[in-house]
Amino acid sequence: MTAAAALTALEGLALVVGGAWMLVEGLVGDPDDRQSAVTGGITLIVLALLPLLAARGLLGRRGWSRGPAVITQIMALPVAYNLLQADSVAIPAGIALAVVAVAALVLLVNPATTQALGIKGPGRSQEAGK
């Protein structure tokens, strides 16, 4: 559970760093389109809230946190694929993102994680009372 939270938080922090970089570059640099750079930076920083809150919830063993964490990993996979299609230094970033996303998904759907979060499968809520 801690590893899943750490990987999810790492993705959130990467979004914050990327967003801050875009925002600063948009404000003080010489971007092709200043408005797009600023908007993109703010968007990334706001998007970082999802994995950061999910990571905090996972550490606190909150059942609600697994959904946003899984969504974050699923959203990361197409981004990793696009990075892998580039002919640049983005390829190692794509590999790293894919590895982190798949590892986090495996940890999040692990039965031990499900049990630790107190998540019951469909139709299992009444079985506990028997």
C-alpha atoms as a PDB file:
ATOM      1  CA  MET A   1       0.000   0.000   0.000  1.00  0.00           C
ATOM      2  CA  THR A   2       2.814   2.395   0.857  1.00  0.00           C
ATOM      3  CA  ALA A   3       4.532   1.646  -2.453  1.00  0.00           C
ATOM      4  CA  ALA A   4       1.326   2.352  -4.390  1.00  0.00           C
ATOM      5  CA  ALA A   5       0.910   5.622  -2.491  1.00  0.00           C
ATOM      6  CA  ALA A   6       4.532   6.571  -3.171  1.00  0.00           C
ATOM      7  CA  LEU A   7       4.240   5.881  -6.908  1.00  0.00           C
ATOM      8  CA  THR A   8       0.977   7.820  -7.117  1.00  0.00           C
ATOM      9  CA  ALA A   9       2.503  10.731  -5.196  1.00  0.00           C
ATOM     10  CA  LEU A  10       5.550  10.629  -7.490  1.00  0.00           C
ATOM     11  CA  GLU A  11       3.276  11.095 -10.496  1.00  0.00           C
ATOM     12  CA  GLY A  12       1.517  13.966  -8.767  1.00  0.00           C
ATOM     13  CA  LEU A  13       4.815  15.648  -7.967  1.00  0.00           C
ATOM     14  CA  ALA A  14       5.965  15.193 -11.565  1.00  0.00           C
ATOM     15  CA  LEU A  15       2.795  16.952 -12.712  1.00  0.00           C
ATOM     16  CA  VAL A  16       3.438  19.825 -10.289  1.00  0.00           C
ATOM     17  CA  VAL A  17       7.035  20.184 -11.490  1.00  0.00           C
ATOM     18  CA  GLY A  18       6.030  20.023 -15.157  1.00  0.00           C
ATOM     19  CA  GLY A  19       3.211  22.492 -14.596  1.00  0.00           C
ATOM     20  CA  ALA A  20       5.424  24.898 -12.687  1.00  0.00           C
ATOM     21  CA  TRP A  21       8.068  24.702 -15.414  1.00  0.00           C
ATOM     22  CA  MET A  22       5.473  25.447 -18.120  1.00  0.00           C
ATOM     23  CA  LEU A  23       3.999  28.266 -16.060  1.00  0.00           C
ATOM     24  CA  VAL A  24       7.359  29.924 -15.373  1.00  0.00           C
ATOM     25  CA  GLU A  25       8.432  29.462 -18.988  1.00  0.00           C
ATOM     26  CA  GLY A  26       5.166  31.001 -20.121  1.00  0.00           C
ATOM     27  CA  LEU A  27       5.499  33.979 -17.812  1.00  0.00           C
ATOM     28  CA  VAL A  28       9.193  34.839 -18.023  1.00  0.00           C
ATOM     29  CA  GLY A  29      10.439  32.906 -21.037  1.00  0.00           C
ATOM     30  CA  ASP A  30       9.870  33.388 -24.729  1.00  0.00           C
ATOM     31  CA  PRO A  31       7.276  30.735 -25.635  1.00  0.00           C
ATOM     32  CA  ASP A  32       5.617  30.520 -29.053  1.00  0.00           C
ATOM     33  CA  ASP A  33       2.234  31.035 -27.405  1.00  0.00           C
ATOM     34  CA  ARG A  34       2.359  32.610 -23.943  1.00  0.00           C
ATOM     35  CA  GLN A  35      -1.339  32.047 -23.197  1.00  0.00           C
ATOM     36  CA  SER A  36      -1.143  28.328 -24.036  1.00  0.00           C
ATOM     37  CA  ALA A  37       1.977  27.875 -21.908  1.00  0.00           C
ATOM     38  CA  VAL A  38       0.386  29.563 -18.887  1.00  0.00           C
ATOM     39  CA  THR A  39      -2.895  27.685 -19.332  1.00  0.00           C
ATOM     40  CA  GLY A  40      -1.047  24.382 -19.754  1.00  0.00           C
ATOM     41  CA  GLY A  41       1.026  24.997 -16.639  1.00  0.00           C
ATOM     42  CA  ILE A  42      -1.996  25.831 -14.513  1.00  0.00           C
ATOM     43  CA  THR A  43      -3.859  22.811 -15.901  1.00  0.00           C
ATOM     44  CA  LEU A  44      -1.029  20.438 -14.985  1.00  0.00           C
ATOM     45  CA  ILE A  45      -0.808  21.838 -11.473  1.00  0.00           C
ATOM     46  CA  VAL A  46      -4.559  21.426 -10.969  1.00  0.00           C
ATOM     47  CA  LEU A  47      -4.446  17.892 -12.433  1.00  0.00           C
ATOM     48  CA  ALA A  48      -1.725  17.047  -9.909  1.00  0.00           C
ATOM     49  CA  LEU A  49      -4.310  17.313  -7.139  1.00  0.00           C
ATOM     50  CA  LEU A  50      -5.926  13.994  -8.153  1.00  0.00           C
ATOM     51  CA  PRO A  51      -2.893  11.742  -7.632  1.00  0.00           C
ATOM     52  CA  LEU A  52      -1.664  13.723  -4.619  1.00  0.00           C
ATOM     53  CA  LEU A  53      -5.013  13.424  -2.829  1.00  0.00           C
ATOM     54  CA  ALA A  54      -5.248   9.767  -3.817  1.00  0.00           C
ATOM     55  CA  ALA A  55      -1.764   9.089  -2.418  1.00  0.00           C
ATOM     56  CA  ARG A  56      -2.691  10.779   0.849  1.00  0.00           C
ATOM     57  CA  GLY A  57      -5.859   8.694   1.023  1.00  0.00           C
ATOM     58  CA  LEU A  58      -3.935   5.490   0.351  1.00  0.00           C
ATOM     59  CA  LEU A  59      -1.542   6.265   3.184  1.00  0.00           C
ATOM     60  CA  GLY A  60      -4.540   6.876   5.433  1.00  0.00           C
ATOM     61  CA  ARG A  61      -6.126   3.597   4.238  1.00  0.00           C
ATOM     62  CA  ARG A  62      -9.211   5.346   2.882  1.00  0.00           C
ATOM     63  CA  GLY A  63     -11.287   3.140   0.585  1.00  0.00           C
ATOM     64  CA  TRP A  64     -12.237   6.040  -1.697  1.00  0.00           C
ATOM     65  CA  SER A  65      -8.600   6.654  -2.636  1.00  0.00           C
ATOM     66  CA  ARG A  66      -8.113   3.584  -4.811  1.00  0.00           C
ATOM     67  CA  GLY A  67     -10.456   4.847  -7.557  1.00  0.00           C
ATOM     68  CA  PRO A  68      -8.626   8.131  -8.200  1.00  0.00           C
ATOM     69  CA  ALA A  69      -5.278   6.333  -7.957  1.00  0.00           C
ATOM     70  CA  VAL A  70      -6.354   3.764 -10.569  1.00  0.00           C
ATOM     71  CA  ILE A  71      -7.720   6.524 -12.814  1.00  0.00           C
ATOM     72  CA  THR A  72      -4.374   8.312 -12.571  1.00  0.00           C
ATOM     73  CA  GLN A  73      -2.517   5.200 -13.705  1.00  0.00           C
ATOM     74  CA  ILE A  74      -4.911   4.564 -16.579  1.00  0.00           C
ATOM     75  CA  MET A  75      -4.511   8.178 -17.724  1.00  0.00           C
ATOM     76  CA  ALA A  76      -0.721   7.836 -17.513  1.00  0.00           C
ATOM     77  CA  LEU A  77      -0.547   4.884 -19.924  1.00  0.00           C
ATOM     78  CA  PRO A  78      -1.547   6.789 -23.114  1.00  0.00           C
ATOM     79  CA  VAL A  79       0.800   9.606 -22.109  1.00  0.00           C
ATOM     80  CA  ALA A  80       3.624   7.077 -21.764  1.00  0.00           C
ATOM     81  CA  TYR A  81       2.723   5.608 -25.167  1.00  0.00           C
ATOM     82  CA  ASN A  82       2.889   9.045 -26.792  1.00  0.00           C
ATOM     83  CA  LEU A  83       6.256   9.718 -25.164  1.00  0.00           C
ATOM     84  CA  LEU A  84       7.539   6.398 -26.521  1.00  0.00           C
ATOM     85  CA  GLN A  85       6.535   7.431 -30.049  1.00  0.00           C
ATOM     86  CA  ALA A  86       8.777  10.519 -29.923  1.00  0.00           C
ATOM     87  CA  ASP A  87      12.220  10.611 -31.496  1.00  0.00           C
ATOM     88  CA  SER A  88      13.838  12.437 -28.635  1.00  0.00           C
ATOM     89  CA  VAL A  89      14.827  12.347 -25.008  1.00  0.00           C
ATOM     90  CA  ALA A  90      11.128  11.778 -24.215  1.00  0.00           C
ATOM     91  CA  ILE A  91      11.550   8.030 -24.815  1.00  0.00           C
ATOM     92  CA  PRO A  92      13.230   7.351 -21.438  1.00  0.00           C
ATOM     93  CA  ALA A  93      10.503   9.419 -19.750  1.00  0.00           C
ATOM     94  CA  GLY A  94       7.900   7.287 -21.524  1.00  0.00           C
ATOM     95  CA  ILE A  95       9.559   4.101 -20.340  1.00  0.00           C
ATOM     96  CA  ALA A  96       9.751   5.374 -16.760  1.00  0.00           C
ATOM     97  CA  LEU A  97       6.130   6.527 -16.783  1.00  0.00           C
ATOM     98  CA  ALA A  98       4.926   3.215 -18.212  1.00  0.00           C
ATOM     99  CA  VAL A  99       6.850   1.224 -15.598  1.00  0.00           C
ATOM    100  CA  VAL A 100       5.527   3.386 -12.750  1.00  0.00           C
ATOM    101  CA  ALA A 101       1.929   3.246 -14.018  1.00  0.00           C
ATOM    102  CA  VAL A 102       1.913  -0.538 -14.523  1.00  0.00           C
ATOM    103  CA  ALA A 103       3.618  -1.168 -11.174  1.00  0.00           C
ATOM    104  CA  ALA A 104       1.148   1.090  -9.382  1.00  0.00           C
ATOM    105  CA  LEU A 105      -1.810  -0.595 -11.097  1.00  0.00           C
ATOM    106  CA  VAL A 106      -0.568  -4.012 -10.034  1.00  0.00           C
ATOM    107  CA  LEU A 107      -0.174  -2.793  -6.460  1.00  0.00           C
ATOM    108  CA  LEU A 108      -3.589  -1.105  -6.442  1.00  0.00           C
ATOM    109  CA  VAL A 109      -5.522  -4.156  -7.638  1.00  0.00           C
ATOM    110  CA  ASN A 110      -3.605  -6.511  -5.369  1.00  0.00           C
ATOM    111  CA  PRO A 111      -5.986  -8.384  -3.030  1.00  0.00           C
ATOM    112  CA  ALA A 112      -3.928  -7.281  -0.022  1.00  0.00           C
ATOM    113  CA  THR A 113      -4.496  -3.630  -0.964  1.00  0.00           C
ATOM    114  CA  THR A 114      -8.205  -4.243  -1.462  1.00  0.00           C
ATOM    115  CA  GLN A 115      -8.420  -5.880   1.962  1.00  0.00           C
ATOM    116  CA  ALA A 116      -6.352  -3.176   3.671  1.00  0.00           C
ATOM    117  CA  LEU A 117      -8.631  -0.492   2.237  1.00  0.00           C
ATOM    118  CA  GLY A 118     -11.712  -2.380   3.374  1.00  0.00           C
ATOM    119  CA  ILE A 119     -13.108  -2.623  -0.147  1.00  0.00           C
ATOM    120  CA  LYS A 120     -15.647  -5.392  -0.594  1.00  0.00           C
ATOM    121  CA  GLY A 121     -16.516  -6.869  -3.955  1.00  0.00           C
ATOM    122  CA  PRO A 122     -19.977  -6.701  -5.473  1.00  0.00           C
ATOM    123  CA  GLY A 123     -22.547  -8.542  -3.400  1.00  0.00           C
ATOM    124  CA  ARG A 124     -20.151  -9.132  -0.536  1.00  0.00           C
ATOM    125  CA  SER A 125     -21.532  -6.579   1.913  1.00  0.00           C
ATOM    126  CA  GLN A 126     -24.109  -9.023   3.260  1.00  0.00           C
ATOM    127  CA  GLU A 127     -21.688 -11.964   3.386  1.00  0.00           C
ATOM    128  CA  ALA A 128     -19.751 -10.255   6.177  1.00  0.00           C
ATOM    129  CA  GLY A 129     -22.765 -10.430   8.491  1.00  0.00           C
ATOM    130  CA  LYS A 130     -23.176 -14.204   8.078  1.00  0.00           C
END
